[in-house]
Amino acid sequence: MVVALTPGHQVAAIVMSFFLNFWNLFSGFLIPRPMIPVWWRWYYWASPVAWTIYGIFASQFGDYTTPLVIPGEEPVPINVFLKEFLGFDHDFLIPVVIAHVGWVLLFFFVFAYGIKFLNFQRR
């Protein structure tokens, strides 16, 4: 998509490195969503990487009730730990799937627009 919007692959690589750095920083992998400052949480929801990580954790571990032993604390079920400490809720999987489809469609239509209407060829 970025290659279609920029004059060349070198510029696209520079632009994409900016987006990837912020998407990875605010994806909830390095800093869980509950620990991200409130004024930056909008960027968490605007990151396609965050939706992917949310979907992976919530779908794979969100329905486990096995006690998780944390040293120095009482055992807590895995699904409760994911919901309270990391912000992943198993019941939120349908919006995650819709968001993934939405990201794919958005990237597809922006790519199609860039290919059709932007022409960076020079004579």
N, C-alpha and C. Protein backbone atom coordinates (compact mmCIF):
# COMPACT_ATOMS: atom_id res chain seq x y z
N MET A 1 0.83 -1.18 0.00
CA MET A 1 0.00 0.00 0.00
C MET A 1 0.88 1.25 0.00
N VAL A 2 1.90 1.26 0.82
CA VAL A 2 2.76 2.44 0.91
C VAL A 2 3.55 2.63 -0.38
N VAL A 3 3.93 1.55 -1.03
CA VAL A 3 4.65 1.65 -2.30
C VAL A 3 3.76 2.31 -3.35
N ALA A 4 2.47 2.03 -3.32
CA ALA A 4 1.55 2.64 -4.27
C ALA A 4 1.33 4.12 -3.99
N LEU A 5 1.58 4.56 -2.77
CA LEU A 5 1.35 5.96 -2.40
C LEU A 5 2.60 6.83 -2.47
N THR A 6 3.76 6.22 -2.67
CA THR A 6 5.01 6.97 -2.69
C THR A 6 5.69 6.82 -4.04
N PRO A 7 6.62 7.72 -4.36
CA PRO A 7 7.25 7.66 -5.68
C PRO A 7 8.16 6.46 -5.90
N GLY A 8 8.64 5.83 -4.87
CA GLY A 8 9.55 4.70 -5.06
C GLY A 8 9.62 3.82 -3.83
N HIS A 9 10.28 2.69 -4.00
CA HIS A 9 10.35 1.76 -2.87
C HIS A 9 11.26 2.25 -1.76
N GLN A 10 12.24 3.13 -2.08
CA GLN A 10 13.09 3.66 -1.03
C GLN A 10 12.30 4.58 -0.10
N VAL A 11 11.49 5.45 -0.68
CA VAL A 11 10.66 6.35 0.13
C VAL A 11 9.63 5.54 0.91
N ALA A 12 9.08 4.52 0.27
CA ALA A 12 8.10 3.67 0.95
C ALA A 12 8.73 2.98 2.16
N ALA A 13 9.97 2.54 2.04
CA ALA A 13 10.64 1.89 3.17
C ALA A 13 10.84 2.87 4.33
N ILE A 14 11.17 4.10 4.02
CA ILE A 14 11.35 5.11 5.07
C ILE A 14 10.03 5.41 5.76
N VAL A 15 8.97 5.62 4.98
CA VAL A 15 7.66 5.91 5.54
C VAL A 15 7.15 4.72 6.37
N MET A 16 7.32 3.52 5.84
CA MET A 16 6.81 2.34 6.55
C MET A 16 7.57 2.07 7.84
N SER A 17 8.87 2.39 7.86
CA SER A 17 9.62 2.19 9.11
C SER A 17 9.06 3.08 10.22
N PHE A 18 8.62 4.28 9.87
CA PHE A 18 8.00 5.16 10.86
C PHE A 18 6.73 4.52 11.42
N PHE A 19 5.84 4.05 10.52
CA PHE A 19 4.59 3.43 10.97
C PHE A 19 4.84 2.15 11.76
N LEU A 20 5.73 1.31 11.29
CA LEU A 20 5.98 0.04 11.99
C LEU A 20 6.53 0.27 13.39
N ASN A 21 7.40 1.25 13.55
CA ASN A 21 7.93 1.52 14.89
C ASN A 21 6.82 1.91 15.86
N PHE A 22 5.94 2.80 15.43
CA PHE A 22 4.86 3.21 16.32
C PHE A 22 3.82 2.11 16.50
N TRP A 23 3.52 1.36 15.45
CA TRP A 23 2.56 0.26 15.57
C TRP A 23 3.09 -0.79 16.55
N ASN A 24 4.37 -1.10 16.48
CA ASN A 24 4.93 -2.09 17.39
C ASN A 24 5.05 -1.55 18.81
N LEU A 25 5.37 -0.28 18.96
CA LEU A 25 5.49 0.29 20.30
C LEU A 25 4.14 0.32 21.03
N PHE A 26 3.08 0.66 20.31
CA PHE A 26 1.76 0.78 20.93
C PHE A 26 0.87 -0.43 20.68
N SER A 27 1.45 -1.57 20.34
CA SER A 27 0.65 -2.75 20.03
C SER A 27 0.18 -3.50 21.27
N GLY A 28 0.70 -3.19 22.42
CA GLY A 28 0.33 -3.90 23.62
C GLY A 28 1.26 -5.06 23.93
N PHE A 29 2.27 -5.26 23.11
CA PHE A 29 3.23 -6.34 23.35
C PHE A 29 4.31 -5.89 24.31
N LEU A 30 4.88 -4.72 24.09
CA LEU A 30 5.91 -4.20 24.99
C LEU A 30 5.29 -3.56 26.23
N ILE A 31 4.24 -2.77 26.00
CA ILE A 31 3.53 -2.10 27.09
C ILE A 31 2.07 -2.53 27.00
N PRO A 32 1.54 -3.24 27.99
CA PRO A 32 0.13 -3.66 27.93
C PRO A 32 -0.80 -2.45 27.86
N ARG A 33 -1.94 -2.63 27.22
CA ARG A 33 -2.90 -1.54 27.04
C ARG A 33 -3.26 -0.83 28.34
N PRO A 34 -3.53 -1.54 29.44
CA PRO A 34 -3.87 -0.81 30.67
C PRO A 34 -2.74 0.09 31.18
N MET A 35 -1.51 -0.17 30.79
CA MET A 35 -0.38 0.65 31.25
C MET A 35 -0.03 1.78 30.29
N ILE A 36 -0.63 1.80 29.10
CA ILE A 36 -0.38 2.89 28.16
C ILE A 36 -1.11 4.13 28.69
N PRO A 37 -0.46 5.29 28.68
CA PRO A 37 -1.15 6.50 29.15
C PRO A 37 -2.45 6.73 28.38
N VAL A 38 -3.42 7.29 29.06
CA VAL A 38 -4.77 7.45 28.49
C VAL A 38 -4.73 8.23 27.19
N TRP A 39 -3.90 9.27 27.11
CA TRP A 39 -3.88 10.10 25.92
C TRP A 39 -3.23 9.40 24.73
N TRP A 40 -2.59 8.24 24.93
CA TRP A 40 -2.02 7.47 23.82
C TRP A 40 -2.81 6.22 23.50
N ARG A 41 -3.86 5.90 24.22
CA ARG A 41 -4.60 4.65 23.97
C ARG A 41 -5.32 4.65 22.63
N TRP A 42 -5.65 5.81 22.11
CA TRP A 42 -6.29 5.86 20.80
C TRP A 42 -5.36 5.23 19.76
N TYR A 43 -4.06 5.40 19.92
CA TYR A 43 -3.11 4.83 18.95
C TYR A 43 -3.04 3.32 19.08
N TYR A 44 -3.30 2.80 20.27
CA TYR A 44 -3.38 1.35 20.43
C TYR A 44 -4.47 0.79 19.54
N TRP A 45 -5.65 1.41 19.57
CA TRP A 45 -6.77 0.92 18.76
C TRP A 45 -6.56 1.21 17.28
N ALA A 46 -5.68 2.14 16.92
CA ALA A 46 -5.40 2.46 15.53
C ALA A 46 -4.26 1.63 14.96
N SER A 47 -3.75 0.70 15.72
CA SER A 47 -2.63 -0.13 15.28
C SER A 47 -3.12 -1.51 14.83
N PRO A 48 -2.86 -1.89 13.60
CA PRO A 48 -3.25 -3.24 13.17
C PRO A 48 -2.49 -4.33 13.91
N VAL A 49 -1.29 -4.03 14.36
CA VAL A 49 -0.52 -5.01 15.12
C VAL A 49 -1.19 -5.29 16.46
N ALA A 50 -1.77 -4.27 17.09
CA ALA A 50 -2.47 -4.45 18.36
C ALA A 50 -3.66 -5.37 18.20
N TRP A 51 -4.41 -5.21 17.11
CA TRP A 51 -5.56 -6.09 16.87
C TRP A 51 -5.11 -7.53 16.67
N THR A 52 -3.98 -7.73 16.01
CA THR A 52 -3.47 -9.08 15.79
C THR A 52 -3.05 -9.72 17.11
N ILE A 53 -2.31 -8.99 17.92
CA ILE A 53 -1.88 -9.54 19.22
C ILE A 53 -3.08 -9.81 20.11
N TYR A 54 -4.04 -8.88 20.11
CA TYR A 54 -5.27 -9.08 20.89
C TYR A 54 -5.96 -10.37 20.45
N GLY A 55 -6.10 -10.55 19.15
CA GLY A 55 -6.76 -11.74 18.64
C GLY A 55 -6.04 -13.03 18.99
N ILE A 56 -4.72 -13.01 18.91
CA ILE A 56 -3.94 -14.21 19.23
C ILE A 56 -4.10 -14.58 20.70
N PHE A 57 -3.87 -13.63 21.60
CA PHE A 57 -3.95 -13.93 23.02
C PHE A 57 -5.37 -14.29 23.45
N ALA A 58 -6.34 -13.51 22.99
CA ALA A 58 -7.72 -13.75 23.42
C ALA A 58 -8.27 -15.05 22.88
N SER A 59 -7.91 -15.41 21.65
CA SER A 59 -8.45 -16.65 21.09
C SER A 59 -7.74 -17.89 21.63
N GLN A 60 -6.46 -17.79 21.91
CA GLN A 60 -5.72 -18.97 22.34
C GLN A 60 -5.78 -19.20 23.85
N PHE A 61 -5.81 -18.14 24.63
CA PHE A 61 -5.75 -18.29 26.08
C PHE A 61 -6.93 -17.68 26.82
N GLY A 62 -7.82 -17.00 26.12
CA GLY A 62 -8.89 -16.25 26.77
C GLY A 62 -9.95 -17.09 27.43
N ASP A 63 -10.05 -18.37 27.08
CA ASP A 63 -11.07 -19.22 27.70
C ASP A 63 -10.46 -20.24 28.67
N TYR A 64 -9.17 -20.14 28.96
CA TYR A 64 -8.53 -21.04 29.92
C TYR A 64 -8.86 -20.59 31.34
N THR A 65 -9.24 -21.53 32.18
CA THR A 65 -9.50 -21.22 33.58
C THR A 65 -8.48 -21.87 34.51
N THR A 66 -7.40 -22.39 33.94
CA THR A 66 -6.34 -22.99 34.73
C THR A 66 -5.69 -21.91 35.60
N PRO A 67 -5.45 -22.21 36.88
CA PRO A 67 -4.82 -21.20 37.74
C PRO A 67 -3.40 -20.86 37.29
N LEU A 68 -3.11 -19.60 37.25
CA LEU A 68 -1.78 -19.10 36.92
C LEU A 68 -1.10 -18.71 38.22
N VAL A 69 0.03 -19.32 38.49
CA VAL A 69 0.75 -19.06 39.74
C VAL A 69 1.75 -17.94 39.50
N ILE A 70 1.55 -16.83 40.18
CA ILE A 70 2.46 -15.69 40.11
C ILE A 70 3.16 -15.61 41.46
N PRO A 71 4.49 -15.65 41.49
CA PRO A 71 5.20 -15.62 42.77
C PRO A 71 4.82 -14.38 43.59
N GLY A 72 4.49 -14.62 44.84
CA GLY A 72 4.14 -13.55 45.76
C GLY A 72 2.67 -13.14 45.71
N GLU A 73 1.86 -13.81 44.87
CA GLU A 73 0.45 -13.47 44.77
C GLU A 73 -0.38 -14.75 44.77
N GLU A 74 -1.66 -14.58 44.97
CA GLU A 74 -2.57 -15.72 44.94
C GLU A 74 -2.71 -16.22 43.50
N PRO A 75 -2.91 -17.53 43.32
CA PRO A 75 -3.16 -18.03 41.97
C PRO A 75 -4.43 -17.41 41.39
N VAL A 76 -4.38 -17.06 40.12
CA VAL A 76 -5.49 -16.42 39.44
C VAL A 76 -5.73 -17.17 38.11
N PRO A 77 -6.98 -17.39 37.72
CA PRO A 77 -7.23 -18.06 36.44
C PRO A 77 -6.63 -17.26 35.27
N ILE A 78 -6.21 -17.98 34.25
CA ILE A 78 -5.55 -17.33 33.12
C ILE A 78 -6.46 -16.31 32.45
N ASN A 79 -7.75 -16.64 32.28
CA ASN A 79 -8.65 -15.70 31.62
C ASN A 79 -8.84 -14.42 32.44
N VAL A 80 -8.85 -14.54 33.75
CA VAL A 80 -8.97 -13.35 34.61
C VAL A 80 -7.69 -12.51 34.53
N PHE A 81 -6.54 -13.18 34.53
CA PHE A 81 -5.26 -12.48 34.41
C PHE A 81 -5.19 -11.70 33.10
N LEU A 82 -5.59 -12.35 32.00
CA LEU A 82 -5.56 -11.68 30.71
C LEU A 82 -6.49 -10.46 30.68
N LYS A 83 -7.64 -10.60 31.30
CA LYS A 83 -8.61 -9.50 31.28
C LYS A 83 -8.20 -8.35 32.19
N GLU A 84 -7.76 -8.65 33.40
CA GLU A 84 -7.46 -7.60 34.38
C GLU A 84 -6.10 -6.95 34.18
N PHE A 85 -5.08 -7.74 33.84
CA PHE A 85 -3.73 -7.20 33.77
C PHE A 85 -3.31 -6.80 32.36
N LEU A 86 -3.79 -7.51 31.34
CA LEU A 86 -3.38 -7.22 29.98
C LEU A 86 -4.49 -6.61 29.12
N GLY A 87 -5.75 -6.68 29.59
CA GLY A 87 -6.85 -6.08 28.87
C GLY A 87 -7.41 -6.90 27.73
N PHE A 88 -7.13 -8.22 27.70
CA PHE A 88 -7.62 -9.09 26.63
C PHE A 88 -8.85 -9.84 27.10
N ASP A 89 -9.98 -9.63 26.42
CA ASP A 89 -11.23 -10.28 26.78
C ASP A 89 -11.64 -11.25 25.68
N HIS A 90 -11.92 -12.49 26.05
CA HIS A 90 -12.29 -13.51 25.07
C HIS A 90 -13.60 -13.18 24.37
N ASP A 91 -14.48 -12.45 25.02
CA ASP A 91 -15.77 -12.09 24.43
C ASP A 91 -15.66 -11.00 23.37
N PHE A 92 -14.48 -10.43 23.19
CA PHE A 92 -14.27 -9.34 22.24
C PHE A 92 -13.71 -9.85 20.90
N LEU A 93 -13.78 -11.16 20.66
CA LEU A 93 -13.18 -11.72 19.45
C LEU A 93 -13.91 -11.33 18.17
N ILE A 94 -15.22 -11.19 18.20
CA ILE A 94 -15.96 -10.81 16.99
C ILE A 94 -15.53 -9.42 16.51
N PRO A 95 -15.44 -8.41 17.38
CA PRO A 95 -14.91 -7.12 16.91
C PRO A 95 -13.47 -7.20 16.41
N VAL A 96 -12.68 -8.10 16.97
CA VAL A 96 -11.30 -8.27 16.49
C VAL A 96 -11.30 -8.79 15.06
N VAL A 97 -12.14 -9.75 14.77
CA VAL A 97 -12.23 -10.28 13.41
C VAL A 97 -12.73 -9.20 12.45
N ILE A 98 -13.72 -8.44 12.87
CA ILE A 98 -14.24 -7.35 12.03
C ILE A 98 -13.16 -6.31 11.79
N ALA A 99 -12.37 -6.01 12.82
CA ALA A 99 -11.29 -5.04 12.66
C ALA A 99 -10.24 -5.55 11.68
N HIS A 100 -9.91 -6.84 11.74
CA HIS A 100 -8.95 -7.39 10.79
C HIS A 100 -9.45 -7.28 9.36
N VAL A 101 -10.69 -7.62 9.15
CA VAL A 101 -11.27 -7.49 7.81
C VAL A 101 -11.28 -6.02 7.39
N GLY A 102 -11.59 -5.13 8.32
CA GLY A 102 -11.58 -3.70 8.03
C GLY A 102 -10.20 -3.19 7.63
N TRP A 103 -9.16 -3.64 8.35
CA TRP A 103 -7.79 -3.23 8.00
C TRP A 103 -7.42 -3.72 6.61
N VAL A 104 -7.77 -4.97 6.31
CA VAL A 104 -7.44 -5.52 4.99
C VAL A 104 -8.15 -4.72 3.90
N LEU A 105 -9.43 -4.42 4.10
CA LEU A 105 -10.18 -3.66 3.10
C LEU A 105 -9.63 -2.24 2.97
N LEU A 106 -9.30 -1.60 4.09
CA LEU A 106 -8.73 -0.26 4.04
C LEU A 106 -7.43 -0.25 3.26
N PHE A 107 -6.53 -1.17 3.56
CA PHE A 107 -5.26 -1.23 2.86
C PHE A 107 -5.47 -1.54 1.38
N PHE A 108 -6.42 -2.42 1.08
CA PHE A 108 -6.71 -2.76 -0.31
C PHE A 108 -7.22 -1.54 -1.09
N PHE A 109 -8.17 -0.82 -0.53
CA PHE A 109 -8.74 0.31 -1.24
C PHE A 109 -7.75 1.48 -1.36
N VAL A 110 -6.93 1.70 -0.34
CA VAL A 110 -5.92 2.74 -0.44
C VAL A 110 -4.88 2.35 -1.49
N PHE A 111 -4.50 1.09 -1.55
CA PHE A 111 -3.59 0.61 -2.59
C PHE A 111 -4.20 0.80 -3.97
N ALA A 112 -5.46 0.40 -4.14
CA ALA A 112 -6.13 0.53 -5.43
C ALA A 112 -6.23 2.00 -5.84
N TYR A 113 -6.54 2.88 -4.90
CA TYR A 113 -6.59 4.32 -5.18
C TYR A 113 -5.22 4.82 -5.63
N GLY A 114 -4.18 4.42 -4.91
CA GLY A 114 -2.83 4.85 -5.26
C GLY A 114 -2.40 4.38 -6.62
N ILE A 115 -2.71 3.17 -6.97
CA ILE A 115 -2.35 2.63 -8.28
C ILE A 115 -3.13 3.33 -9.39
N LYS A 116 -4.40 3.61 -9.14
CA LYS A 116 -5.25 4.18 -10.20
C LYS A 116 -5.02 5.67 -10.41
N PHE A 117 -4.91 6.45 -9.33
CA PHE A 117 -4.92 7.89 -9.48
C PHE A 117 -3.58 8.57 -9.28
N LEU A 118 -2.63 7.94 -8.66
CA LEU A 118 -1.32 8.56 -8.45
C LEU A 118 -0.34 8.02 -9.48
N ASN A 119 0.32 8.93 -10.19
CA ASN A 119 1.29 8.55 -11.21
C ASN A 119 2.57 9.31 -10.92
N PHE A 120 3.60 8.59 -10.53
CA PHE A 120 4.87 9.22 -10.17
C PHE A 120 5.91 9.11 -11.28
N GLN A 121 5.50 8.69 -12.47
CA GLN A 121 6.45 8.57 -13.58
C GLN A 121 6.82 9.95 -14.08
N ARG A 122 8.12 10.10 -14.38
CA ARG A 122 8.62 11.37 -14.90
C ARG A 122 9.12 11.14 -16.33
N ARG A 123 8.95 12.14 -17.18
CA ARG A 123 9.45 12.01 -18.57
C ARG A 123 10.65 12.86 -18.77
